[in-house]
N, C-alpha and C. Protein backbone atom coordinates (compact mmCIF):
# COMPACT_ATOMS: atom_id res chain seq x y z
N MET A 1 102.25 56.36 73.88
CA MET A 1 102.74 56.62 75.14
C MET A 1 104.38 56.99 74.96
N LYS A 2 104.63 57.93 75.73
CA LYS A 2 106.17 58.42 75.73
C LYS A 2 107.23 57.45 76.16
N GLN A 3 108.23 57.29 75.37
CA GLN A 3 109.10 56.26 75.66
C GLN A 3 109.78 56.35 76.83
N GLY A 4 109.78 55.46 77.71
CA GLY A 4 110.57 55.43 78.90
C GLY A 4 109.80 55.89 80.17
N TYR A 5 108.62 56.35 79.84
CA TYR A 5 107.71 57.21 81.15
C TYR A 5 106.93 56.14 81.48
N ARG A 6 106.65 56.08 82.89
CA ARG A 6 105.66 55.38 83.58
C ARG A 6 104.66 56.16 84.21
N PHE A 7 103.53 56.26 83.80
CA PHE A 7 102.44 57.01 84.36
C PHE A 7 101.75 56.51 85.75
N PHE A 8 101.75 57.69 86.50
CA PHE A 8 101.06 57.01 88.01
C PHE A 8 99.92 58.21 88.08
N ALA A 9 99.79 59.17 87.43
CA ALA A 9 98.74 59.90 87.69
C ALA A 9 97.97 60.61 86.26
N HIS A 10 96.83 60.59 86.33
CA HIS A 10 96.05 61.13 85.01
C HIS A 10 94.99 62.39 85.64
N HIS A 11 95.48 63.68 84.96
CA HIS A 11 94.39 64.81 85.40
C HIS A 11 93.97 65.25 83.93
N TYR A 12 92.69 64.96 83.96
CA TYR A 12 92.02 65.33 82.55
C TYR A 12 92.89 64.57 81.43
N ASP A 13 93.25 65.37 80.46
CA ASP A 13 94.16 64.94 79.63
C ASP A 13 95.70 65.03 79.64
N GLU A 14 96.00 65.36 81.11
CA GLU A 14 97.45 65.40 81.27
C GLU A 14 97.79 64.20 82.23
N ARG A 15 99.11 63.98 82.15
CA ARG A 15 99.58 62.88 83.18
C ARG A 15 100.99 63.27 83.71
N SER A 16 101.09 62.50 84.76
CA SER A 16 102.41 62.73 85.63
C SER A 16 102.91 61.20 85.58
N ALA A 17 104.54 61.42 85.39
CA ALA A 17 105.14 60.18 85.12
C ALA A 17 106.37 60.28 85.93
N ILE A 18 106.96 59.12 86.20
CA ILE A 18 108.53 58.88 86.38
C ILE A 18 109.13 58.46 85.00
N LYS A 19 110.35 58.70 84.91
CA LYS A 19 111.07 58.43 83.74
C LYS A 19 111.98 57.26 84.02
N ILE A 20 111.97 56.14 83.36
CA ILE A 20 113.12 55.20 83.57
C ILE A 20 113.95 55.05 82.29
N ASN A 21 115.22 55.19 82.63
CA ASN A 21 116.33 55.18 81.50
C ASN A 21 117.33 54.37 81.87
N LYS A 22 117.37 53.25 81.16
CA LYS A 22 118.47 52.29 81.16
C LYS A 22 118.71 51.72 82.58
N GLN A 23 117.36 51.22 83.11
CA GLN A 23 117.01 50.43 84.20
C GLN A 23 117.19 51.45 85.53
N GLU A 24 117.28 52.86 85.26
CA GLU A 24 117.35 53.79 86.25
C GLU A 24 116.15 54.71 86.34
N VAL A 25 115.64 55.07 87.44
CA VAL A 25 114.75 55.98 87.69
C VAL A 25 115.14 57.21 87.87
N GLU A 26 114.88 58.19 87.05
CA GLU A 26 115.15 59.80 87.28
C GLU A 26 114.58 60.04 88.56
N SER A 27 115.25 61.07 89.30
CA SER A 27 114.83 61.49 90.56
C SER A 27 113.53 62.62 90.33
N ASN A 28 113.40 63.28 89.38
CA ASN A 28 112.21 64.14 89.16
C ASN A 28 111.08 63.53 88.66
N VAL A 29 110.02 64.01 88.90
CA VAL A 29 108.82 63.51 88.28
C VAL A 29 108.42 64.45 86.88
N PHE A 30 107.78 64.02 86.08
CA PHE A 30 107.47 64.75 84.77
C PHE A 30 105.94 65.08 84.71
N PHE A 31 105.75 66.15 84.31
CA PHE A 31 104.34 66.39 83.89
C PHE A 31 104.14 66.45 82.58
N ILE A 32 103.09 66.00 81.86
CA ILE A 32 103.11 65.79 80.46
C ILE A 32 101.46 66.10 80.04
N PRO A 33 101.57 67.43 79.64
CA PRO A 33 100.20 67.91 79.00
C PRO A 33 99.93 67.18 77.69
N LEU A 34 98.82 67.28 77.46
CA LEU A 34 98.35 66.54 76.29
C LEU A 34 99.28 66.61 74.78
N VAL A 35 99.22 67.96 74.68
CA VAL A 35 99.86 68.39 73.29
C VAL A 35 101.32 69.11 73.52
N GLU A 36 101.99 68.92 74.80
CA GLU A 36 103.16 69.62 75.00
C GLU A 36 104.05 68.36 75.04
N GLU A 37 105.34 68.77 75.14
CA GLU A 37 106.55 67.94 75.58
C GLU A 37 106.58 67.90 76.97
N PRO A 38 107.11 66.53 77.60
CA PRO A 38 107.23 66.41 78.86
C PRO A 38 107.74 67.62 79.76
N LEU A 39 107.26 68.02 80.90
CA LEU A 39 107.81 69.10 81.80
C LEU A 39 108.54 68.39 83.04
N LYS A 40 109.69 68.69 82.94
CA LYS A 40 110.53 68.19 84.36
C LYS A 40 110.04 69.12 85.52
N LEU A 41 109.45 68.41 86.52
CA LEU A 41 109.28 69.13 87.74
C LEU A 41 110.28 69.32 88.55
N ASN A 42 110.24 70.31 89.47
CA ASN A 42 111.32 70.48 90.47
C ASN A 42 110.63 69.78 91.76
N LEU A 43 110.53 68.53 91.40
CA LEU A 43 109.98 67.82 92.50
C LEU A 43 110.45 66.20 92.34
N SER A 44 110.63 65.76 93.45
CA SER A 44 110.84 63.99 93.50
C SER A 44 109.26 63.41 93.63
N TYR A 45 109.37 62.17 93.54
CA TYR A 45 107.93 61.42 93.55
C TYR A 45 107.52 61.59 95.06
N PRO A 46 108.23 61.67 96.04
CA PRO A 46 107.58 61.74 97.50
C PRO A 46 107.06 63.16 97.64
N GLU A 47 107.80 64.16 97.05
CA GLU A 47 107.43 65.61 97.09
C GLU A 47 106.15 65.91 96.37
N TYR A 48 106.33 65.16 95.21
CA TYR A 48 105.01 65.24 94.30
C TYR A 48 103.73 64.75 95.13
N MET A 49 103.84 63.71 95.86
CA MET A 49 102.82 63.20 96.40
C MET A 49 102.17 64.10 97.77
N GLU A 50 103.14 64.75 98.40
CA GLU A 50 102.96 65.74 99.43
C GLU A 50 102.02 67.00 98.72
N HIS A 51 102.52 67.40 97.59
CA HIS A 51 101.87 68.51 96.97
C HIS A 51 100.31 68.12 96.68
N VAL A 52 100.26 66.86 96.02
CA VAL A 52 98.94 66.52 95.54
C VAL A 52 97.98 66.55 96.77
N LEU A 53 98.26 66.32 97.95
CA LEU A 53 97.59 66.35 99.09
C LEU A 53 97.33 67.73 99.73
N LYS A 54 98.48 68.68 99.61
CA LYS A 54 98.41 70.03 100.08
C LYS A 54 97.46 70.86 99.15
N THR A 55 97.48 70.51 97.78
CA THR A 55 96.75 71.27 96.98
C THR A 55 95.28 70.78 96.64
N ARG A 56 95.07 69.53 97.21
CA ARG A 56 93.89 68.76 96.99
C ARG A 56 93.64 68.74 95.67
N GLY A 57 94.99 68.32 95.01
CA GLY A 57 94.88 67.93 93.47
C GLY A 57 94.20 68.92 92.53
N PHE A 58 94.29 70.35 92.83
CA PHE A 58 93.43 71.02 92.05
C PHE A 58 94.19 71.06 90.47
N TRP A 59 93.36 71.46 89.56
CA TRP A 59 93.87 71.44 88.27
C TRP A 59 95.18 72.37 88.02
N GLY A 60 96.12 71.66 87.47
CA GLY A 60 97.28 72.80 87.05
C GLY A 60 98.26 73.05 87.99
N TRP A 61 98.20 72.47 89.37
CA TRP A 61 99.19 72.80 90.33
C TRP A 61 100.61 72.29 89.82
N GLN A 62 100.81 71.46 89.09
CA GLN A 62 102.27 71.00 88.58
C GLN A 62 102.84 71.94 87.85
N TYR A 63 102.08 72.81 87.08
CA TYR A 63 102.84 73.96 86.27
C TYR A 63 103.63 74.86 87.31
N LEU A 64 103.20 75.06 88.72
CA LEU A 64 103.96 75.86 89.57
C LEU A 64 105.24 75.20 89.92
N PHE A 65 105.70 74.10 89.55
CA PHE A 65 106.84 73.41 89.83
C PHE A 65 107.86 73.23 88.47
N THR A 66 107.44 74.03 87.42
CA THR A 66 108.12 73.70 86.11
C THR A 66 109.48 74.80 86.00
N GLY A 67 109.34 76.04 86.82
CA GLY A 67 110.27 76.99 86.63
C GLY A 67 109.80 77.81 85.43
N LEU A 68 108.88 77.62 84.81
CA LEU A 68 108.50 78.44 83.54
C LEU A 68 107.62 79.49 83.80
N LYS A 69 107.58 80.29 82.81
CA LYS A 69 106.55 81.56 82.97
C LYS A 69 105.32 81.40 82.20
N PHE A 70 104.16 82.27 82.52
CA PHE A 70 103.04 82.06 81.75
C PHE A 70 103.16 82.38 80.37
N LYS A 71 104.16 83.25 80.01
CA LYS A 71 104.36 83.66 78.61
C LYS A 71 104.85 82.42 77.79
N ASP A 72 105.39 81.53 78.48
CA ASP A 72 105.90 80.21 77.75
C ASP A 72 105.00 79.24 77.38
N PHE A 73 103.50 79.37 77.61
CA PHE A 73 102.39 78.64 77.14
C PHE A 73 101.51 79.24 76.23
N ASP A 74 100.98 78.51 75.38
CA ASP A 74 100.17 78.99 74.24
C ASP A 74 98.75 79.03 74.79
N HIS A 75 98.26 78.53 76.00
CA HIS A 75 96.98 78.70 76.42
C HIS A 75 97.05 79.83 77.58
N ASP A 76 95.97 80.21 78.12
CA ASP A 76 95.93 81.16 79.16
C ASP A 76 95.87 80.49 80.50
N LEU A 77 97.10 79.91 80.92
CA LEU A 77 97.35 79.33 82.04
C LEU A 77 97.21 80.02 83.40
N GLU A 78 97.42 81.29 83.30
CA GLU A 78 97.31 82.21 84.20
C GLU A 78 95.95 82.33 84.87
N ARG A 79 95.12 82.56 83.85
CA ARG A 79 93.64 82.44 84.01
C ARG A 79 93.14 81.40 84.70
N ASP A 80 93.72 80.18 84.06
CA ASP A 80 92.95 78.78 84.47
C ASP A 80 93.53 78.57 86.06
N LEU A 81 94.88 79.02 86.19
CA LEU A 81 95.23 78.68 87.77
C LEU A 81 94.55 79.68 88.71
N GLN A 82 94.24 80.87 88.25
CA GLN A 82 93.63 81.78 89.07
C GLN A 82 92.23 81.33 89.47
N GLU A 83 91.67 80.67 88.45
CA GLU A 83 90.25 80.22 88.71
C GLU A 83 90.46 79.12 89.84
N SER A 84 91.36 78.21 89.79
CA SER A 84 91.63 77.07 90.53
C SER A 84 91.87 77.65 91.99
N PHE A 85 92.60 78.78 92.22
CA PHE A 85 92.98 79.44 93.40
C PHE A 85 91.77 79.88 94.23
N GLU A 86 90.93 80.46 93.41
CA GLU A 86 89.70 80.96 93.87
C GLU A 86 88.69 79.91 94.47
N CYS A 87 88.79 78.72 93.87
CA CYS A 87 87.94 77.56 94.22
C CYS A 87 88.64 77.01 95.45
N LEU A 88 89.79 76.81 95.59
CA LEU A 88 90.52 76.34 96.63
C LEU A 88 90.27 77.26 98.02
N LYS A 89 90.06 78.63 97.69
CA LYS A 89 90.07 79.55 98.87
C LYS A 89 88.52 79.44 99.38
N ILE A 90 87.61 79.13 98.37
CA ILE A 90 86.21 78.97 98.96
C ILE A 90 86.03 77.67 99.55
N ALA A 91 86.57 76.67 99.03
CA ALA A 91 86.44 75.22 99.44
C ALA A 91 87.18 74.96 100.84
N PHE A 92 88.40 75.57 100.89
CA PHE A 92 89.07 75.31 102.24
C PHE A 92 89.53 76.58 102.76
N PRO A 93 88.72 77.51 103.43
CA PRO A 93 89.14 78.78 103.64
C PRO A 93 90.04 79.01 104.86
N ASP A 94 90.33 78.04 105.80
CA ASP A 94 91.11 77.76 106.65
C ASP A 94 92.62 77.52 106.40
N GLU A 95 92.91 76.93 105.17
CA GLU A 95 94.02 76.43 104.63
C GLU A 95 94.93 77.58 104.13
N ASP A 96 96.26 77.26 104.39
CA ASP A 96 97.34 78.37 103.98
C ASP A 96 97.95 77.65 102.61
N PHE A 97 97.37 78.57 101.49
CA PHE A 97 98.08 78.18 100.20
C PHE A 97 98.99 79.10 99.73
N SER A 98 99.71 79.92 100.65
CA SER A 98 100.68 80.98 100.35
C SER A 98 101.65 80.59 99.49
N ASP A 99 102.38 79.30 99.95
CA ASP A 99 103.45 78.96 99.01
C ASP A 99 103.13 78.79 97.48
N TYR A 100 102.01 78.30 97.19
CA TYR A 100 101.45 77.93 95.90
C TYR A 100 101.15 79.44 95.27
N VAL A 101 100.49 80.29 96.07
CA VAL A 101 100.36 81.69 95.50
C VAL A 101 101.48 82.40 95.13
N ASN A 102 102.69 82.36 95.96
CA ASN A 102 104.13 82.75 95.69
C ASN A 102 104.62 82.26 94.40
N ARG A 103 104.41 80.91 94.31
CA ARG A 103 104.92 80.41 93.02
C ARG A 103 104.09 80.85 91.76
N PHE A 104 102.96 81.07 92.14
CA PHE A 104 102.05 81.69 90.86
C PHE A 104 102.42 82.94 90.38
N GLU A 105 102.76 83.79 91.63
CA GLU A 105 103.19 85.18 91.25
C GLU A 105 104.50 85.21 90.58
N SER A 106 105.32 84.26 90.98
CA SER A 106 106.73 84.27 90.36
C SER A 106 106.74 83.81 88.69
N MET A 107 105.50 83.33 88.36
CA MET A 107 105.30 83.01 87.05
C MET A 107 104.85 84.13 86.17
N LYS A 108 104.71 85.19 86.66
CA LYS A 108 104.15 86.51 85.84
C LYS A 108 105.54 86.86 85.12
């Protein structure tokens, strides 16, 4: 377990956590892929929970809030997220996922 992190969500081999440092909770949530260092998300805990619901918890949505680019990852994150978007569009055709699509495009 990473020091100071308190996990609240598990996504396959990835986890989301808050970080407690000297009895203080950091305001941002961290996303911790299995083989990578923790990625600080541009989200607070309440915002994180809102996005879990909006994205229906699709795999990898957290990467959209890291501020990183696809080239920063060793795996084909772009392809994996594209597949997730395609499934979302089929499963929820009346939902507006444009904010997430815009975030996806900004990672290219």
